[in-house]
Amino acid sequence: MRRPLPDLTITLARSFIAVAAAIYLFDLWQQTRDHLTNGALRPFGDDFINYWSGAYLAWHGRAAEIYDPVAFHLFQESVAGAPIQGYHYSYPPVLLLLTAPLAFVPYIPGLALWLASGWYAFYRAVRLAMPGRGALLLA
């Protein structure tokens, strides 16, 4: 008897997820060649360092450093543990309110929380448009 097409689709989706997860984990590992950098002046989590640094500095009474490019860069290099290229906080101050919860967790757990929250929000949006088991595989 021939297997129905949805079973094949689910198998292909699961295979893709496994391969994509392996590639993503390898990419994350590559981003930590030199402390929390990729060895080419890019921090682990890339632009996330701006969101986390801004929230951390604001919460710890150092808000003036957020819009001081030199002080902000020095703080980010202290987080990364190695030289990084110039990242600056080019966001309006109201974003500090939205990212404030990041100040309560260290950098790496904050990045994991940020990525997981983004994925979950995408999953919930897909779930609204596509109820059922397929939404989880798509997300």
N, C-alpha and C. Protein backbone atom coordinates (compact mmCIF):
# COMPACT_ATOMS: atom_id res chain seq x y z
N MET A 1 0.84 -1.18 0.00
CA MET A 1 0.00 0.00 0.00
C MET A 1 0.89 1.25 0.00
N ARG A 2 0.51 2.22 -0.74
CA ARG A 2 1.27 3.45 -0.88
C ARG A 2 1.04 4.36 0.33
N ARG A 3 2.15 4.95 0.82
CA ARG A 3 2.03 5.88 1.96
C ARG A 3 1.41 7.19 1.49
N PRO A 4 0.57 7.76 2.29
CA PRO A 4 -0.03 9.04 1.91
C PRO A 4 1.03 10.15 1.86
N LEU A 5 0.78 11.13 1.04
CA LEU A 5 1.71 12.24 0.85
C LEU A 5 2.00 13.01 2.13
N PRO A 6 1.04 13.27 3.00
CA PRO A 6 1.37 14.04 4.21
C PRO A 6 2.45 13.39 5.07
N ASP A 7 2.52 12.05 5.12
CA ASP A 7 3.56 11.40 5.90
C ASP A 7 4.93 11.69 5.31
N LEU A 8 5.03 11.69 3.98
CA LEU A 8 6.28 12.00 3.32
C LEU A 8 6.66 13.46 3.58
N THR A 9 5.68 14.33 3.54
CA THR A 9 5.93 15.75 3.79
C THR A 9 6.44 15.96 5.21
N ILE A 10 5.84 15.29 6.17
CA ILE A 10 6.28 15.41 7.56
C ILE A 10 7.70 14.87 7.73
N THR A 11 8.01 13.76 7.08
CA THR A 11 9.35 13.19 7.15
C THR A 11 10.37 14.16 6.55
N LEU A 12 10.05 14.75 5.41
CA LEU A 12 10.94 15.73 4.80
C LEU A 12 11.12 16.96 5.68
N ALA A 13 10.04 17.41 6.27
CA ALA A 13 10.11 18.58 7.16
C ALA A 13 10.99 18.29 8.36
N ARG A 14 10.82 17.12 8.95
CA ARG A 14 11.65 16.76 10.11
C ARG A 14 13.11 16.63 9.72
N SER A 15 13.38 16.08 8.55
CA SER A 15 14.76 15.96 8.07
C SER A 15 15.37 17.35 7.86
N PHE A 16 14.60 18.24 7.26
CA PHE A 16 15.07 19.61 7.06
C PHE A 16 15.36 20.27 8.40
N ILE A 17 14.48 20.10 9.37
CA ILE A 17 14.67 20.70 10.69
C ILE A 17 15.95 20.18 11.33
N ALA A 18 16.21 18.89 11.23
CA ALA A 18 17.43 18.31 11.81
C ALA A 18 18.68 18.88 11.16
N VAL A 19 18.67 18.97 9.83
CA VAL A 19 19.84 19.51 9.13
C VAL A 19 20.00 21.00 9.45
N ALA A 20 18.92 21.74 9.44
CA ALA A 20 18.99 23.18 9.75
C ALA A 20 19.48 23.41 11.17
N ALA A 21 19.03 22.59 12.11
CA ALA A 21 19.48 22.73 13.51
C ALA A 21 20.98 22.46 13.62
N ALA A 22 21.46 21.45 12.92
CA ALA A 22 22.90 21.13 12.95
C ALA A 22 23.72 22.28 12.36
N ILE A 23 23.26 22.83 11.25
CA ILE A 23 23.97 23.96 10.63
C ILE A 23 23.94 25.18 11.54
N TYR A 24 22.79 25.42 12.18
CA TYR A 24 22.67 26.57 13.08
C TYR A 24 23.59 26.42 14.28
N LEU A 25 23.65 25.23 14.87
CA LEU A 25 24.54 25.01 16.00
C LEU A 25 26.00 25.17 15.60
N PHE A 26 26.36 24.71 14.41
CA PHE A 26 27.72 24.90 13.92
C PHE A 26 28.02 26.38 13.75
N ASP A 27 27.07 27.14 13.22
CA ASP A 27 27.26 28.57 13.06
C ASP A 27 27.43 29.25 14.41
N LEU A 28 26.64 28.87 15.40
CA LEU A 28 26.79 29.45 16.74
C LEU A 28 28.17 29.13 17.31
N TRP A 29 28.63 27.91 17.11
CA TRP A 29 29.95 27.53 17.60
C TRP A 29 31.03 28.36 16.91
N GLN A 30 30.88 28.63 15.62
CA GLN A 30 31.85 29.43 14.88
C GLN A 30 31.91 30.87 15.41
N GLN A 31 30.82 31.33 15.99
CA GLN A 31 30.76 32.70 16.50
C GLN A 31 31.48 32.86 17.83
N THR A 32 32.07 31.79 18.34
CA THR A 32 32.77 31.88 19.64
C THR A 32 34.24 31.49 19.50
N ARG A 33 34.86 31.80 18.39
CA ARG A 33 36.28 31.46 18.18
C ARG A 33 37.19 32.20 19.15
N ASP A 34 36.92 33.46 19.38
CA ASP A 34 37.75 34.28 20.27
C ASP A 34 36.82 34.88 21.33
N HIS A 35 36.73 34.21 22.45
CA HIS A 35 35.80 34.57 23.52
C HIS A 35 34.38 34.57 22.96
N LEU A 36 33.69 35.70 23.02
CA LEU A 36 32.34 35.77 22.46
C LEU A 36 32.34 36.52 21.13
N THR A 37 33.37 36.25 20.31
CA THR A 37 33.42 36.82 18.97
C THR A 37 33.79 35.72 17.98
N ASN A 38 33.60 36.02 16.71
CA ASN A 38 33.94 35.04 15.67
C ASN A 38 35.38 35.17 15.20
N GLY A 39 36.16 36.00 15.87
CA GLY A 39 37.55 36.22 15.48
C GLY A 39 37.68 37.24 14.37
N ALA A 40 36.58 37.70 13.84
CA ALA A 40 36.58 38.71 12.78
C ALA A 40 35.79 39.94 13.22
N LEU A 41 35.88 40.27 14.51
CA LEU A 41 35.30 41.48 15.09
C LEU A 41 33.78 41.49 15.18
N ARG A 42 33.14 40.33 15.08
CA ARG A 42 31.67 40.26 15.21
C ARG A 42 31.32 39.52 16.50
N PRO A 43 30.49 40.12 17.36
CA PRO A 43 30.15 39.47 18.63
C PRO A 43 29.15 38.33 18.46
N PHE A 44 29.16 37.42 19.40
CA PHE A 44 28.20 36.33 19.45
C PHE A 44 26.81 36.94 19.59
N GLY A 45 25.91 36.60 18.69
CA GLY A 45 24.58 37.19 18.71
C GLY A 45 24.48 38.45 17.87
N ASP A 46 25.58 38.91 17.35
CA ASP A 46 25.66 40.06 16.46
C ASP A 46 24.92 41.28 17.02
N ASP A 47 23.87 41.76 16.39
CA ASP A 47 23.20 42.99 16.81
C ASP A 47 22.51 42.89 18.18
N PHE A 48 22.30 41.68 18.66
CA PHE A 48 21.68 41.53 19.98
C PHE A 48 22.50 42.24 21.05
N ILE A 49 23.80 42.35 20.84
CA ILE A 49 24.65 43.00 21.85
C ILE A 49 24.19 44.43 22.10
N ASN A 50 23.62 45.09 21.08
CA ASN A 50 23.09 46.45 21.27
C ASN A 50 21.90 46.45 22.22
N TYR A 51 20.95 45.56 21.98
CA TYR A 51 19.74 45.52 22.82
C TYR A 51 20.10 45.20 24.27
N TRP A 52 20.94 44.18 24.43
CA TRP A 52 21.28 43.76 25.79
C TRP A 52 22.11 44.83 26.51
N SER A 53 23.09 45.39 25.81
CA SER A 53 23.96 46.41 26.43
C SER A 53 23.16 47.64 26.84
N GLY A 54 22.27 48.08 25.97
CA GLY A 54 21.45 49.24 26.31
C GLY A 54 20.59 49.00 27.54
N ALA A 55 19.94 47.85 27.57
CA ALA A 55 19.09 47.52 28.73
C ALA A 55 19.92 47.40 30.00
N TYR A 56 21.06 46.72 29.90
CA TYR A 56 21.92 46.51 31.07
C TYR A 56 22.42 47.85 31.62
N LEU A 57 22.94 48.69 30.73
CA LEU A 57 23.48 49.97 31.19
C LEU A 57 22.39 50.85 31.79
N ALA A 58 21.22 50.89 31.17
CA ALA A 58 20.12 51.72 31.69
C ALA A 58 19.69 51.23 33.07
N TRP A 59 19.55 49.93 33.23
CA TRP A 59 19.09 49.39 34.50
C TRP A 59 20.10 49.58 35.62
N HIS A 60 21.38 49.59 35.26
CA HIS A 60 22.43 49.73 36.26
C HIS A 60 22.91 51.18 36.44
N GLY A 61 22.05 52.13 36.07
CA GLY A 61 22.33 53.54 36.34
C GLY A 61 23.41 54.14 35.46
N ARG A 62 23.67 53.55 34.31
CA ARG A 62 24.72 54.05 33.42
C ARG A 62 24.13 54.45 32.07
N ALA A 63 22.93 55.02 32.08
CA ALA A 63 22.21 55.35 30.85
C ALA A 63 22.97 56.35 29.98
N ALA A 64 23.76 57.22 30.57
CA ALA A 64 24.51 58.21 29.79
C ALA A 64 25.49 57.54 28.83
N GLU A 65 25.96 56.35 29.17
CA GLU A 65 26.93 55.65 28.32
C GLU A 65 26.29 55.08 27.06
N ILE A 66 24.97 54.93 27.06
CA ILE A 66 24.30 54.29 25.92
C ILE A 66 24.49 55.11 24.65
N TYR A 67 24.38 56.42 24.74
CA TYR A 67 24.50 57.27 23.56
C TYR A 67 25.88 57.92 23.44
N ASP A 68 26.83 57.45 24.24
CA ASP A 68 28.23 57.85 24.11
C ASP A 68 28.94 56.73 23.35
N PRO A 69 29.23 56.92 22.06
CA PRO A 69 29.76 55.83 21.24
C PRO A 69 31.01 55.17 21.80
N VAL A 70 31.92 55.94 22.38
CA VAL A 70 33.17 55.37 22.90
C VAL A 70 32.89 54.54 24.14
N ALA A 71 32.14 55.08 25.09
CA ALA A 71 31.84 54.34 26.32
C ALA A 71 31.01 53.10 26.02
N PHE A 72 30.05 53.22 25.11
CA PHE A 72 29.19 52.09 24.75
C PHE A 72 30.03 50.98 24.11
N HIS A 73 30.94 51.36 23.22
CA HIS A 73 31.80 50.38 22.56
C HIS A 73 32.72 49.68 23.56
N LEU A 74 33.28 50.44 24.48
CA LEU A 74 34.15 49.83 25.49
C LEU A 74 33.37 48.83 26.36
N PHE A 75 32.15 49.18 26.70
CA PHE A 75 31.33 48.24 27.48
C PHE A 75 31.06 46.97 26.68
N GLN A 76 30.70 47.13 25.41
CA GLN A 76 30.42 45.95 24.59
C GLN A 76 31.65 45.07 24.41
N GLU A 77 32.81 45.66 24.29
CA GLU A 77 34.04 44.85 24.20
C GLU A 77 34.30 44.13 25.51
N SER A 78 33.93 44.72 26.63
CA SER A 78 34.10 44.03 27.90
C SER A 78 33.14 42.84 28.00
N VAL A 79 31.98 42.95 27.41
CA VAL A 79 31.02 41.84 27.39
C VAL A 79 31.53 40.72 26.48
N ALA A 80 32.01 41.09 25.29
CA ALA A 80 32.48 40.10 24.32
C ALA A 80 33.81 39.49 24.73
N GLY A 81 34.61 40.21 25.49
CA GLY A 81 35.90 39.68 25.93
C GLY A 81 36.98 39.78 24.87
N ALA A 82 36.72 40.47 23.79
CA ALA A 82 37.67 40.64 22.70
C ALA A 82 37.25 41.86 21.89
N PRO A 83 38.15 42.39 21.07
CA PRO A 83 37.77 43.53 20.24
C PRO A 83 36.62 43.17 19.27
N ILE A 84 35.72 44.11 19.10
CA ILE A 84 34.62 43.95 18.13
C ILE A 84 34.54 45.22 17.30
N GLN A 85 33.86 45.14 16.17
CA GLN A 85 33.67 46.33 15.36
C GLN A 85 32.72 47.29 16.07
N GLY A 86 32.65 48.50 15.58
CA GLY A 86 31.85 49.53 16.25
C GLY A 86 30.36 49.32 16.12
N TYR A 87 29.73 48.94 17.20
CA TYR A 87 28.27 48.85 17.26
C TYR A 87 27.81 50.04 18.08
N HIS A 88 26.75 50.69 17.66
CA HIS A 88 26.24 51.83 18.40
C HIS A 88 24.75 51.67 18.63
N TYR A 89 24.26 52.35 19.63
CA TYR A 89 22.84 52.28 19.98
C TYR A 89 22.11 53.36 19.20
N SER A 90 21.51 52.98 18.09
CA SER A 90 20.84 53.96 17.22
C SER A 90 19.32 53.90 17.34
N TYR A 91 18.85 53.46 18.49
CA TYR A 91 17.42 53.27 18.69
C TYR A 91 16.88 54.37 19.61
N PRO A 92 15.60 54.65 19.53
CA PRO A 92 15.03 55.68 20.42
C PRO A 92 15.02 55.17 21.87
N PRO A 93 15.04 56.08 22.81
CA PRO A 93 15.06 55.68 24.22
C PRO A 93 13.90 54.78 24.64
N VAL A 94 12.76 54.87 23.96
CA VAL A 94 11.62 54.04 24.34
C VAL A 94 11.93 52.55 24.18
N LEU A 95 12.87 52.21 23.31
CA LEU A 95 13.23 50.80 23.16
C LEU A 95 13.83 50.24 24.44
N LEU A 96 14.42 51.10 25.25
CA LEU A 96 14.98 50.65 26.52
C LEU A 96 13.89 50.07 27.43
N LEU A 97 12.68 50.61 27.33
CA LEU A 97 11.56 50.06 28.10
C LEU A 97 11.19 48.67 27.62
N LEU A 98 11.22 48.47 26.31
CA LEU A 98 10.85 47.17 25.75
C LEU A 98 11.91 46.11 26.01
N THR A 99 13.17 46.51 26.05
CA THR A 99 14.25 45.55 26.25
C THR A 99 14.70 45.46 27.70
N ALA A 100 14.07 46.21 28.59
CA ALA A 100 14.47 46.23 30.01
C ALA A 100 14.57 44.84 30.64
N PRO A 101 13.69 43.89 30.35
CA PRO A 101 13.83 42.56 30.97
C PRO A 101 15.17 41.88 30.68
N LEU A 102 15.82 42.26 29.59
CA LEU A 102 17.11 41.66 29.27
C LEU A 102 18.18 42.01 30.31
N ALA A 103 17.99 43.12 31.03
CA ALA A 103 18.97 43.55 32.02
C ALA A 103 19.04 42.61 33.22
N PHE A 104 18.05 41.76 33.39
CA PHE A 104 18.00 40.88 34.55
C PHE A 104 18.69 39.55 34.35
N VAL A 105 19.15 39.28 33.12
CA VAL A 105 19.82 38.00 32.85
C VAL A 105 21.17 38.29 32.20
N PRO A 106 22.15 37.41 32.40
CA PRO A 106 23.44 37.58 31.74
C PRO A 106 23.30 37.52 30.22
N TYR A 107 24.36 37.88 29.53
CA TYR A 107 24.31 38.03 28.07
C TYR A 107 23.88 36.75 27.34
N ILE A 108 24.54 35.63 27.59
CA ILE A 108 24.23 34.40 26.85
C ILE A 108 22.80 33.91 27.14
N PRO A 109 22.38 33.82 28.40
CA PRO A 109 20.97 33.45 28.62
C PRO A 109 19.99 34.46 28.03
N GLY A 110 20.38 35.74 28.02
CA GLY A 110 19.52 36.76 27.41
C GLY A 110 19.37 36.53 25.91
N LEU A 111 20.47 36.15 25.26
CA LEU A 111 20.41 35.85 23.83
C LEU A 111 19.51 34.64 23.58
N ALA A 112 19.66 33.61 24.40
CA ALA A 112 18.81 32.43 24.25
C ALA A 112 17.34 32.79 24.46
N LEU A 113 17.06 33.61 25.46
CA LEU A 113 15.69 34.05 25.72
C LEU A 113 15.15 34.88 24.55
N TRP A 114 15.97 35.74 24.00
CA TRP A 114 15.60 36.59 22.87
C TRP A 114 15.25 35.73 21.65
N LEU A 115 16.11 34.77 21.34
CA LEU A 115 15.87 33.90 20.18
C LEU A 115 14.64 33.02 20.38
N ALA A 116 14.50 32.45 21.58
CA ALA A 116 13.36 31.59 21.86
C ALA A 116 12.06 32.38 21.83
N SER A 117 12.08 33.60 22.36
CA SER A 117 10.88 34.43 22.35
C SER A 117 10.48 34.81 20.92
N GLY A 118 11.46 35.13 20.10
CA GLY A 118 11.18 35.45 18.70
C GLY A 118 10.59 34.25 17.96
N TRP A 119 11.18 33.07 18.21
CA TRP A 119 10.65 31.87 17.56
C TRP A 119 9.23 31.60 18.04
N TYR A 120 8.98 31.72 19.34
CA TYR A 120 7.66 31.44 19.87
C TYR A 120 6.61 32.41 19.32
N ALA A 121 6.97 33.68 19.19
CA ALA A 121 6.04 34.65 18.61
C ALA A 121 5.71 34.28 17.16
N PHE A 122 6.73 33.86 16.41
CA PHE A 122 6.49 33.42 15.04
C PHE A 122 5.60 32.18 15.01
N TYR A 123 5.88 31.24 15.90
CA TYR A 123 5.07 30.01 15.97
C TYR A 123 3.61 30.34 16.27
N ARG A 124 3.36 31.23 17.22
CA ARG A 124 1.98 31.59 17.57
C ARG A 124 1.28 32.26 16.38
N ALA A 125 2.00 33.09 15.63
CA ALA A 125 1.40 33.73 14.46
C ALA A 125 1.07 32.69 13.39
N VAL A 126 1.98 31.75 13.17
CA VAL A 126 1.72 30.68 12.19
C VAL A 126 0.56 29.83 12.66
N ARG A 127 0.50 29.57 13.93
CA ARG A 127 -0.57 28.73 14.49
C ARG A 127 -1.95 29.36 14.28
N LEU A 128 -2.03 30.68 14.35
CA LEU A 128 -3.29 31.36 14.08
C LEU A 128 -3.71 31.18 12.62
N ALA A 129 -2.73 31.23 11.73
CA ALA A 129 -3.03 31.10 10.31
C ALA A 129 -3.19 29.65 9.86
N MET A 130 -2.60 28.74 10.62
CA MET A 130 -2.58 27.34 10.21
C MET A 130 -2.75 26.43 11.43
N PRO A 131 -3.95 26.27 11.94
CA PRO A 131 -4.15 25.44 13.12
C PRO A 131 -3.75 23.98 12.83
N GLY A 132 -3.29 23.34 13.86
CA GLY A 132 -2.94 21.92 13.72
C GLY A 132 -1.45 21.68 13.86
N ARG A 133 -1.06 20.45 13.58
CA ARG A 133 0.30 20.00 13.76
C ARG A 133 1.31 20.64 12.80
N GLY A 134 0.85 21.04 11.64
CA GLY A 134 1.73 21.58 10.63
C GLY A 134 2.40 22.88 11.04
N ALA A 135 1.77 23.65 11.93
CA ALA A 135 2.33 24.93 12.35
C ALA A 135 3.66 24.75 13.07
N LEU A 136 3.76 23.73 13.90
CA LEU A 136 5.00 23.49 14.62
C LEU A 136 6.13 23.14 13.66
N LEU A 137 5.85 22.32 12.68
CA LEU A 137 6.87 21.96 11.71
C LEU A 137 7.28 23.16 10.87
N LEU A 138 6.34 23.99 10.50
CA LEU A 138 6.66 25.17 9.71
C LEU A 138 7.49 26.16 10.51
N ALA A 139 7.13 26.36 11.76
CA ALA A 139 7.86 27.30 12.60
C ALA A 139 9.24 26.78 12.89
